[in-house]
Each structure stands twice: as C-alpha cells, then as structure tokens.
Amino acid sequence: MTAQQDPSRARFTGDANPYGGGDPYADYRTADFPFTRYANLADRRLGAGVIAANDEFFAERENLLVPERAEFDPEHFGHKGKVMDGWETRRRRGVSAEHPWPTADDHDWALVRLGAPGVIRGIVVDTAHFRGNYPQAVSVEAASVPGSPSPEELLGGDVKWTTLVPRTAVGGHAANGFDVTAEQRFTHLRLNQHPDGGIARLRVYGEVVPDPRWLQALGTFDVVALENGGLAEDASNLFYSPATNTIQPGRSRKMDDGWETRRRRDQGNDWISYRLVGRSEIRAIEIDTAYLKGNSAGWASVSVRDGESGEWTEVLPRTRMQPDTNHRFVLPRPAVGTHARVDIYPDGGISRLRLFGSLTEDGAQRLAARHQELGG
C-alpha cells in the first residue's frame, strides 16, 4: 500500500513483502513529513536514552535511538534467532491452550527520556526490515517529570501520561509518521507496541523548551545551541547534511556531523538562519570547521536581527576560515537580537556555530512565561 495524498497524515497499514534479495531498502515505504524540519528531541547527541523496556528478547531497546538508518543482514543469526537492528520483543501467548492468543490489552512498552524537553510536533515509528514481525499497532504517550526520574518513578501512579498517538495500525518495513498537536512541554515518552513485535527506530521531532531557571543560573551560555532552545530555521542548501548539525552539542566527530553544501557554480553564497533561545546579548562567537578540510567555507560572516521584521546587522565581518579549525571572536560590543545568520563564501561548510551571551531582561521574561504556559 502507498501513503495517502496528504503526507502529514500518511499511514502505512498492511503487510510488507518478504525480503527478495538485493537492496533491502528497495521497497521501503515512506513519505515527506513536514514536521521533520524540527530537531529530533530523541537524539542521542542531546542525551536521549531508552531507560527501560518490559521485554527486549530478540533485539535491544537502545537500537531505537541509533542516529543512522537501520541495517539488515539476511544471514546474521544468533542464539536467540534472527539478529535485527531495532527493538524486538518475543511473541506473546495467551493463558491456555483454549485461549492461546494474546488479549486486546496485551502490549510491550519502552520508556524514552528525551534529550531535551520540548513541544513535540511529530513522531516517526520506523519498522524498517521488520516485515513479518512488526507490531499490529502502536501508541505513544508523553509525560513531563522534573529532575532525573527512575523507571519505577515514571511508572508510578502519580505520573500523568498524555496520549500523543492513539492506538493506530502500522505497516511493516515503513516509516509510520504521526502529527502531534499537544501544546505542552514533555520530558519522557512511553512507546507501546500492540501486542508485540519489532520497531527499528523512533524519531521525535519538535522544539526545545529549556528550563529558564537553569539558563539564569548559567548566566553566560550558547544562546543558539539546540539544547538551550535555539533553532536552525532555514538554509540555502542542505545537499549533504542538515543545518541543525551546526548547533548540536559538543564538537563534530566526523565530516558528516557538520553542515556541508554542494559546490556552487555561480556568484552567490550559502547561509543558515537561526532563531535564538530568546532575545539575547551576544558577546562572543565560535565558528568551527572541524573535519572539513578540503571543503570548509572559505570565508564566513555573522549577522543578527532584533525581531521578526528587524534589519540584519553584521556583527562579524567576512572573515577568512581555516580548514579543520575552531575560530573564536570576541565582539567589541554586545549584539542584541532574537535571530542570527551565518553566511559562508562561496560554499562549503562549517561544523558548529556558537554564540555566547545571555538573555536580555525581556527575553528572560518571555522565556519564563512560555515555559509556564507549556506546563513546565
């Protein structure tokens, strides 16, 4: 079966064909989900983790959050059976020979801690390579719990769970996408599969909503960092890698962990625009080209805009970039704004952008108000 015409509501119910050899992704079913423009809040680089599951007999729960797409080796078997790159539970059985089937309420579950709390815009439950062993249906619930709760605390009776995806039939060997409309800040998910089976990957797309008390305690911090609530809003080119990579935590560890554009054959230049965590005073800038050696940006500049309709003001003029180097700049005076933009000339890439500063008084007030409105 194919996706419905509206990609934001695509569903892939029905069976997948048995693997017939060759490219294992040749008959993989997916669609363009608009919500994937947001960051993946369940990214391991942000600190996400699968902290518990009721069963992982065939394949470990941690596979759910592996950033790369699932791999498939048709000849890889272990002592427990076929080795799958995902989370797979054993087959459920009924209570007796007279009732050998699982009940309608039987299901398996996994608890996921988001790497950064936030508002969830969409979820992808990917059943890649699970063709005859995927769940009949899935459901997803979310909760907002402060601190670092244990699995036992999350499963306690005093935690309120909100249904984001009701029990919905899914298809095998497919990216099953779901829109989410709940305007709340969540910290944890409970992924359920009914009654059993396997899921290759879980992606949770949304907007980071940081704790304003934490940012206030830090004082000076990276006001464009994804984990602090920054967002890569738009980019001129995403040919090789996503712009969001530039505001991920830590330094890049390999070339595709940054942002790289295709080669330009005109007189233009490439750029990324960002929304800061809030209205901020920027005092220092880092532009890193780690692992970009023969393809780093030749020059770069940084501009700041105050408000949605404000004018762009250049705060770092066009400056020569060196390959595989972290460049640091102290601004002569703080730059105040809500948005930032990095331009690279003429093309190439950078691995990270850091804008160090602090929230303005009105920026801090607006962030605290939004945090409270979303149930933080």
Protein backbone atom coordinates (compact mmCIF):
# COMPACT_ATOMS: atom_id res chain seq x y z
CA MET A 1 0.00 0.00 0.00
CA THR A 2 1.10 3.59 -0.52
CA ALA A 3 0.83 6.69 1.62
CA GLN A 4 -2.26 8.87 1.49
CA GLN A 5 -2.08 12.08 -0.57
CA ASP A 6 -1.58 14.30 2.48
CA PRO A 7 1.99 13.42 3.56
CA SER A 8 1.47 14.91 7.03
CA ARG A 9 -1.16 12.24 7.68
CA ALA A 10 0.47 9.36 5.87
CA ARG A 11 -0.18 5.87 7.19
CA PHE A 12 1.35 2.62 6.07
CA THR A 13 -1.05 -0.08 7.16
CA GLY A 14 -0.75 -3.54 5.70
CA ASP A 15 1.89 -6.15 5.25
CA ALA A 16 5.32 -5.74 3.72
CA ASN A 17 6.65 -8.17 1.15
CA PRO A 18 9.26 -10.74 2.22
CA TYR A 19 12.83 -9.73 1.55
CA GLY A 20 13.62 -10.73 -2.02
CA GLY A 21 17.33 -10.01 -2.11
CA GLY A 22 19.33 -7.04 -3.35
CA ASP A 23 18.89 -3.59 -1.82
CA PRO A 24 16.94 -4.15 1.44
CA TYR A 25 15.51 -0.62 1.20
CA ALA A 26 14.25 -1.01 -2.39
CA ASP A 27 10.62 -1.48 -1.28
CA TYR A 28 10.78 0.64 1.86
CA ARG A 29 7.72 2.86 2.28
CA THR A 30 7.92 6.45 3.45
CA ALA A 31 6.70 9.99 2.77
CA ASP A 32 7.82 13.59 3.24
CA PHE A 33 6.62 14.52 6.71
CA PRO A 34 6.57 18.32 7.17
CA PHE A 35 7.40 18.06 10.88
CA THR A 36 10.84 16.59 10.17
CA ARG A 37 12.13 20.17 9.70
CA TYR A 38 12.21 20.33 13.51
CA ALA A 39 15.03 18.87 15.60
CA ASN A 40 14.91 15.27 16.79
CA LEU A 41 14.35 15.58 20.55
CA ALA A 42 15.20 11.88 20.95
CA ASP A 43 18.69 12.33 19.52
CA ARG A 44 21.42 10.56 21.47
CA ARG A 45 23.68 13.58 20.93
CA LEU A 46 21.27 15.60 23.05
CA GLY A 47 21.36 12.98 25.80
CA ALA A 48 18.25 10.97 24.94
CA GLY A 49 18.04 7.38 26.12
CA VAL A 50 15.76 4.36 26.26
CA ILE A 51 15.80 3.85 30.01
CA ALA A 52 13.59 0.76 30.32
CA ALA A 53 11.53 -1.79 28.39
CA ASN A 54 9.39 -4.67 29.55
CA ASP A 55 10.95 -7.05 27.02
CA GLU A 56 13.90 -6.98 24.58
CA PHE A 57 14.39 -10.67 23.98
CA PHE A 58 15.40 -10.51 20.31
CA ALA A 59 16.88 -7.01 19.96
CA GLU A 60 17.96 -4.34 22.44
CA ARG A 61 15.85 -1.28 23.20
CA GLU A 62 18.84 1.07 22.75
CA ASN A 63 18.73 0.46 18.99
CA LEU A 64 15.62 2.65 18.80
CA LEU A 65 17.64 5.86 19.04
CA VAL A 66 20.65 5.00 16.87
CA PRO A 67 21.01 8.05 14.58
CA GLU A 68 21.79 6.11 11.42
CA ARG A 69 19.12 4.21 9.50
CA ALA A 70 18.65 0.55 10.37
CA GLU A 71 20.85 -2.04 8.69
CA PHE A 72 19.84 -5.53 7.58
CA ASP A 73 21.99 -8.63 7.17
CA PRO A 74 19.82 -11.54 5.96
CA GLU A 75 22.37 -14.13 7.11
CA HIS A 76 23.04 -12.77 10.61
CA PHE A 77 21.55 -15.13 13.21
CA GLY A 78 22.39 -15.55 16.89
CA HIS A 79 21.49 -17.94 19.71
CA LYS A 80 18.07 -16.31 20.09
CA GLY A 81 17.25 -16.15 16.39
CA LYS A 82 17.49 -13.52 13.67
CA VAL A 83 19.59 -10.52 14.71
CA MET A 84 17.67 -7.33 14.00
CA ASP A 85 18.78 -3.70 14.15
CA GLY A 86 15.95 -2.40 16.29
CA TRP A 87 13.91 -3.20 19.41
CA GLU A 88 12.17 -6.56 19.17
CA THR A 89 10.18 -8.47 21.76
CA ARG A 90 9.20 -12.13 21.89
CA ARG A 91 5.85 -13.42 20.64
CA ARG A 92 3.08 -13.03 23.17
CA ARG A 93 0.86 -16.02 24.04
CA GLY A 94 -2.47 -16.48 25.70
CA VAL A 95 -3.16 -18.07 29.07
CA SER A 96 -4.08 -21.60 27.93
CA ALA A 97 -4.46 -24.00 25.02
CA GLU A 98 -8.10 -22.98 24.84
CA HIS A 99 -7.09 -19.29 24.70
CA PRO A 100 -3.65 -19.22 23.00
CA TRP A 101 -3.99 -15.68 21.66
CA PRO A 102 -2.88 -12.51 23.46
CA THR A 103 -5.66 -10.32 24.78
CA ALA A 104 -6.61 -6.96 23.28
CA ASP A 105 -4.83 -5.21 26.16
CA ASP A 106 -1.54 -7.10 25.89
CA HIS A 107 1.32 -4.89 24.73
CA ASP A 108 5.03 -4.21 25.12
CA TRP A 109 6.49 -0.86 26.10
CA ALA A 110 9.68 1.16 26.22
CA LEU A 111 10.38 4.33 28.22
CA VAL A 112 12.30 7.07 26.42
CA ARG A 113 13.94 10.08 28.04
CA LEU A 114 14.06 12.96 25.59
CA GLY A 115 17.47 14.52 25.13
CA ALA A 116 15.94 17.97 25.51
CA PRO A 117 12.43 18.66 26.85
CA GLY A 118 10.15 20.37 24.41
CA VAL A 119 6.95 20.61 22.39
CA ILE A 120 6.55 17.61 20.08
CA ARG A 121 5.35 18.30 16.53
CA GLY A 122 5.57 14.82 15.02
CA ILE A 123 6.73 11.26 15.60
CA VAL A 124 8.08 8.61 13.24
CA VAL A 125 7.86 4.96 14.26
CA ASP A 126 10.11 3.23 11.76
CA THR A 127 9.65 -0.52 11.16
CA ALA A 128 12.47 -0.84 8.58
CA HIS A 129 13.27 -4.52 7.85
CA PHE A 130 10.54 -5.74 10.21
CA ARG A 131 8.39 -7.37 7.54
CA GLY A 132 6.61 -10.25 9.26
CA ASN A 133 7.46 -9.33 12.84
CA TYR A 134 6.32 -5.72 13.20
CA PRO A 135 3.57 -4.75 15.68
CA GLN A 136 -0.06 -4.71 14.60
CA ALA A 137 -0.43 -1.24 16.11
CA VAL A 138 1.48 1.34 18.12
CA SER A 139 0.62 4.09 20.56
CA VAL A 140 2.70 6.84 22.16
CA GLU A 141 2.20 8.64 25.46
CA ALA A 142 4.17 11.53 26.97
CA ALA A 143 4.78 12.95 30.42
CA SER A 144 6.52 15.93 31.97
CA VAL A 145 8.52 14.96 35.05
CA PRO A 146 11.24 17.22 36.51
CA GLY A 147 14.67 16.02 37.51
CA SER A 148 16.00 12.57 36.65
CA PRO A 149 13.20 10.13 37.49
CA SER A 150 13.85 6.38 37.58
CA PRO A 151 11.76 3.95 35.51
CA GLU A 152 9.94 2.95 38.70
CA GLU A 153 9.03 6.57 39.41
CA LEU A 154 7.81 7.11 35.85
CA LEU A 155 5.60 4.03 36.07
CA GLY A 156 4.16 5.13 39.41
CA GLY A 157 0.52 6.03 39.73
CA ASP A 158 1.13 9.75 40.31
CA VAL A 159 2.62 10.45 36.84
CA LYS A 160 0.18 11.92 34.32
CA TRP A 161 0.57 10.48 30.82
CA THR A 162 -0.89 12.29 27.80
CA THR A 163 -1.73 10.31 24.67
CA LEU A 164 0.06 11.76 21.65
CA VAL A 165 -0.61 8.89 19.24
CA PRO A 166 -3.67 6.75 19.98
CA ARG A 167 -3.53 3.05 19.22
CA THR A 168 -3.04 3.04 15.44
CA ALA A 169 -2.37 0.26 12.94
CA VAL A 170 1.04 0.46 11.27
CA GLY A 171 2.79 -1.23 8.41
CA GLY A 172 5.99 -3.21 8.22
CA HIS A 173 9.19 -2.00 6.58
CA ALA A 174 7.91 1.57 6.59
CA ALA A 175 8.31 4.98 8.22
CA ASN A 176 5.00 5.45 10.01
CA GLY A 177 4.52 9.17 10.67
CA PHE A 178 2.17 10.86 13.12
CA ASP A 179 1.33 14.54 13.62
CA VAL A 180 1.22 15.73 17.23
CA THR A 181 -0.89 18.73 18.25
CA ALA A 182 -0.45 18.86 22.05
CA GLU A 183 0.93 22.28 23.04
CA GLN A 184 2.77 21.02 26.11
CA ARG A 185 6.36 20.60 27.22
CA PHE A 186 7.29 16.92 27.67
CA THR A 187 10.35 15.18 29.08
CA HIS A 188 9.59 11.46 28.60
CA LEU A 189 7.73 9.14 26.21
CA ARG A 190 6.20 5.71 26.54
CA LEU A 191 6.25 3.83 23.24
CA ASN A 192 3.80 0.92 23.12
CA GLN A 193 3.54 -1.84 20.54
CA HIS A 194 0.39 -3.95 20.37
CA PRO A 195 0.64 -6.81 21.07
CA ASP A 196 4.36 -7.42 20.35
CA GLY A 197 6.96 -7.28 17.60
CA GLY A 198 9.77 -5.03 16.45
CA ILE A 199 10.46 -1.37 15.78
CA ALA A 200 13.71 -0.26 14.15
CA ARG A 201 13.89 3.45 15.02
CA LEU A 202 12.00 6.15 16.89
CA ARG A 203 12.25 9.81 15.89
CA VAL A 204 10.60 12.57 17.93
CA TYR A 205 10.55 15.94 16.16
CA GLY A 206 9.83 19.17 17.99
CA GLU A 207 11.00 22.43 19.54
CA VAL A 208 13.27 22.53 22.58
CA VAL A 209 11.81 24.40 25.58
CA PRO A 210 14.63 24.89 28.12
CA ASP A 211 14.25 25.46 31.85
CA PRO A 212 14.66 29.24 32.32
CA ARG A 213 15.95 28.75 35.87
CA TRP A 214 18.85 26.69 34.56
CA LEU A 215 19.78 29.28 31.94
CA GLN A 216 19.56 32.05 34.53
CA ALA A 217 21.91 30.12 36.81
CA LEU A 218 24.40 29.67 33.95
CA GLY A 219 24.46 33.38 33.21
CA THR A 220 26.53 33.26 30.02
CA PHE A 221 25.75 30.38 27.68
CA ASP A 222 25.39 29.48 24.00
CA VAL A 223 22.18 31.29 23.00
CA VAL A 224 21.82 29.42 19.69
CA ALA A 225 22.56 25.89 20.96
CA LEU A 226 19.86 23.33 20.22
CA GLU A 227 19.89 22.03 23.79
CA ASN A 228 19.25 25.57 25.08
CA GLY A 229 16.31 26.18 22.75
CA GLY A 230 17.97 27.52 19.59
CA LEU A 231 16.60 26.52 16.19
CA ALA A 232 18.02 26.38 12.67
CA GLU A 233 15.08 27.91 10.81
CA ASP A 234 16.24 27.93 7.20
CA ALA A 235 19.26 27.35 5.00
CA SER A 236 20.28 27.98 1.43
CA ASN A 237 21.38 24.41 0.80
CA LEU A 238 21.07 21.07 2.62
CA PHE A 239 22.59 18.83 -0.03
CA TYR A 240 24.98 16.85 2.16
CA SER A 241 23.84 17.40 5.75
CA PRO A 242 21.25 19.22 7.88
CA ALA A 243 21.79 22.75 9.20
CA THR A 244 20.74 21.57 12.68
CA ASN A 245 24.11 19.81 12.95
CA THR A 246 25.76 23.20 13.49
CA ILE A 247 24.03 23.72 16.85
CA GLN A 248 24.31 20.17 18.19
CA PRO A 249 26.18 19.59 21.50
CA GLY A 250 29.92 19.01 21.51
CA ARG A 251 32.44 19.21 18.71
CA SER A 252 31.92 17.44 15.41
CA ARG A 253 33.41 13.94 15.33
CA LYS A 254 33.39 13.35 11.57
CA MET A 255 32.74 15.23 8.35
CA ASP A 256 29.02 14.48 8.06
CA ASP A 257 28.45 15.69 11.64
CA GLY A 258 28.54 19.28 10.37
CA TRP A 259 26.86 21.25 7.58
CA GLU A 260 28.18 21.00 4.03
CA THR A 261 26.68 22.40 0.83
CA ARG A 262 27.04 21.31 -2.76
CA ARG A 263 29.60 23.10 -4.93
CA ARG A 264 28.36 26.43 -6.27
CA ARG A 265 28.84 27.30 -9.92
CA ASP A 266 27.53 30.88 -9.64
CA GLN A 267 28.49 34.10 -7.84
CA GLY A 268 26.25 33.54 -4.82
CA ASN A 269 26.92 32.24 -1.31
CA ASP A 270 25.36 29.85 1.20
CA TRP A 271 23.82 30.64 4.60
CA ILE A 272 21.85 29.41 7.63
CA SER A 273 19.38 31.50 9.64
CA TYR A 274 18.67 30.72 13.30
CA ARG A 275 16.16 31.64 15.98
CA LEU A 276 17.85 32.23 19.32
CA VAL A 277 16.51 30.84 22.60
CA GLY A 278 15.20 34.36 23.30
CA ARG A 279 16.21 37.98 22.91
CA SER A 280 19.87 37.94 23.85
CA GLU A 281 23.08 39.90 24.15
CA ILE A 282 25.80 38.13 22.15
CA ARG A 283 29.37 38.83 23.28
CA ALA A 284 31.49 36.11 21.64
CA ILE A 285 31.32 33.82 18.59
CA GLU A 286 32.84 30.47 17.66
CA ILE A 287 32.83 29.09 14.13
CA ASP A 288 34.26 25.59 13.91
CA THR A 289 35.25 23.82 10.68
CA ALA A 290 36.31 20.54 12.36
CA TYR A 291 36.79 17.66 9.89
CA LEU A 292 36.05 19.95 6.94
CA LYS A 293 39.46 20.06 5.29
CA GLY A 294 39.20 20.37 1.52
CA ASN A 295 35.61 21.56 1.72
CA SER A 296 35.43 24.10 4.56
CA ALA A 297 33.95 27.54 3.98
CA GLY A 298 36.44 29.99 2.52
CA TRP A 299 35.09 32.98 4.48
CA ALA A 300 32.24 33.49 6.94
CA SER A 301 30.27 36.36 8.43
CA VAL A 302 27.64 36.57 11.18
CA SER A 303 24.65 38.90 11.34
CA VAL A 304 21.99 39.50 14.00
CA ARG A 305 18.37 40.62 13.70
CA ASP A 306 16.19 42.01 16.51
CA GLY A 307 12.59 40.87 15.99
CA GLU A 308 10.86 39.11 13.11
CA SER A 309 10.83 42.26 10.95
CA GLY A 310 14.15 43.74 12.07
CA GLU A 311 17.04 44.50 9.73
CA TRP A 312 20.09 42.24 9.59
CA THR A 313 23.14 43.86 11.17
CA GLU A 314 26.57 42.37 10.52
CA VAL A 315 28.41 41.77 13.81
CA LEU A 316 31.28 39.68 12.43
CA PRO A 317 32.50 40.87 9.02
CA ARG A 318 33.52 38.45 6.31
CA THR A 319 36.50 36.61 7.81
CA ARG A 320 38.86 34.00 6.36
CA MET A 321 38.20 30.46 7.59
CA GLN A 322 40.89 27.82 8.03
CA PRO A 323 40.15 24.13 7.43
CA ASP A 324 39.59 21.86 10.45
CA THR A 325 39.91 24.78 12.88
CA ASN A 326 37.88 26.34 15.70
CA HIS A 327 37.75 30.13 15.19
CA ARG A 328 37.00 32.41 18.18
CA PHE A 329 35.93 36.05 18.11
CA VAL A 330 35.19 38.50 20.95
CA LEU A 331 32.78 41.22 19.80
CA PRO A 332 33.80 44.84 20.52
CA ARG A 333 30.31 45.45 21.95
CA PRO A 334 27.33 43.15 22.72
CA ALA A 335 24.99 42.45 19.79
CA VAL A 336 21.32 42.35 20.81
CA GLY A 337 18.87 40.26 18.82
CA THR A 338 16.40 37.41 18.52
CA HIS A 339 17.77 35.84 15.32
CA ALA A 340 21.19 35.19 13.82
CA ARG A 341 22.55 34.27 10.44
CA VAL A 342 25.86 32.83 9.30
CA ASP A 343 26.91 33.39 5.69
CA ILE A 344 29.69 31.33 4.14
CA TYR A 345 31.55 32.28 0.96
CA PRO A 346 31.22 30.95 -1.56
CA ASP A 347 30.17 27.48 -0.42
CA GLY A 348 31.50 24.51 1.61
CA GLY A 349 30.60 24.07 5.23
CA ILE A 350 31.07 24.63 8.92
CA SER A 351 30.68 22.07 11.69
CA ARG A 352 29.48 24.24 14.61
CA LEU A 353 28.35 27.78 15.37
CA ARG A 354 28.41 29.04 18.98
CA LEU A 355 27.00 32.40 20.07
CA PHE A 356 27.92 33.09 23.69
CA GLY A 357 25.92 35.62 25.65
CA SER A 358 22.93 35.94 27.96
CA LEU A 359 19.22 36.68 27.78
CA THR A 360 18.07 40.27 28.00
CA GLU A 361 15.60 41.07 30.77
CA ASP A 362 12.60 40.96 28.42
CA GLY A 363 13.99 37.82 26.73
CA ALA A 364 14.18 36.04 30.09
CA GLN A 365 10.65 37.12 30.97
CA ARG A 366 9.20 35.83 27.71
CA LEU A 367 11.02 32.52 28.03
CA ALA A 368 9.75 32.05 31.60
CA ALA A 369 6.18 32.86 30.52
CA ARG A 370 6.28 30.32 27.68
CA HIS A 371 7.78 27.69 29.95
CA GLN A 372 4.90 28.18 32.39
CA GLU A 373 2.24 28.18 29.64
CA LEU A 374 3.52 24.82 28.38
CA GLY A 375 3.31 23.22 31.81
CA GLY A 376 6.99 23.43 32.70
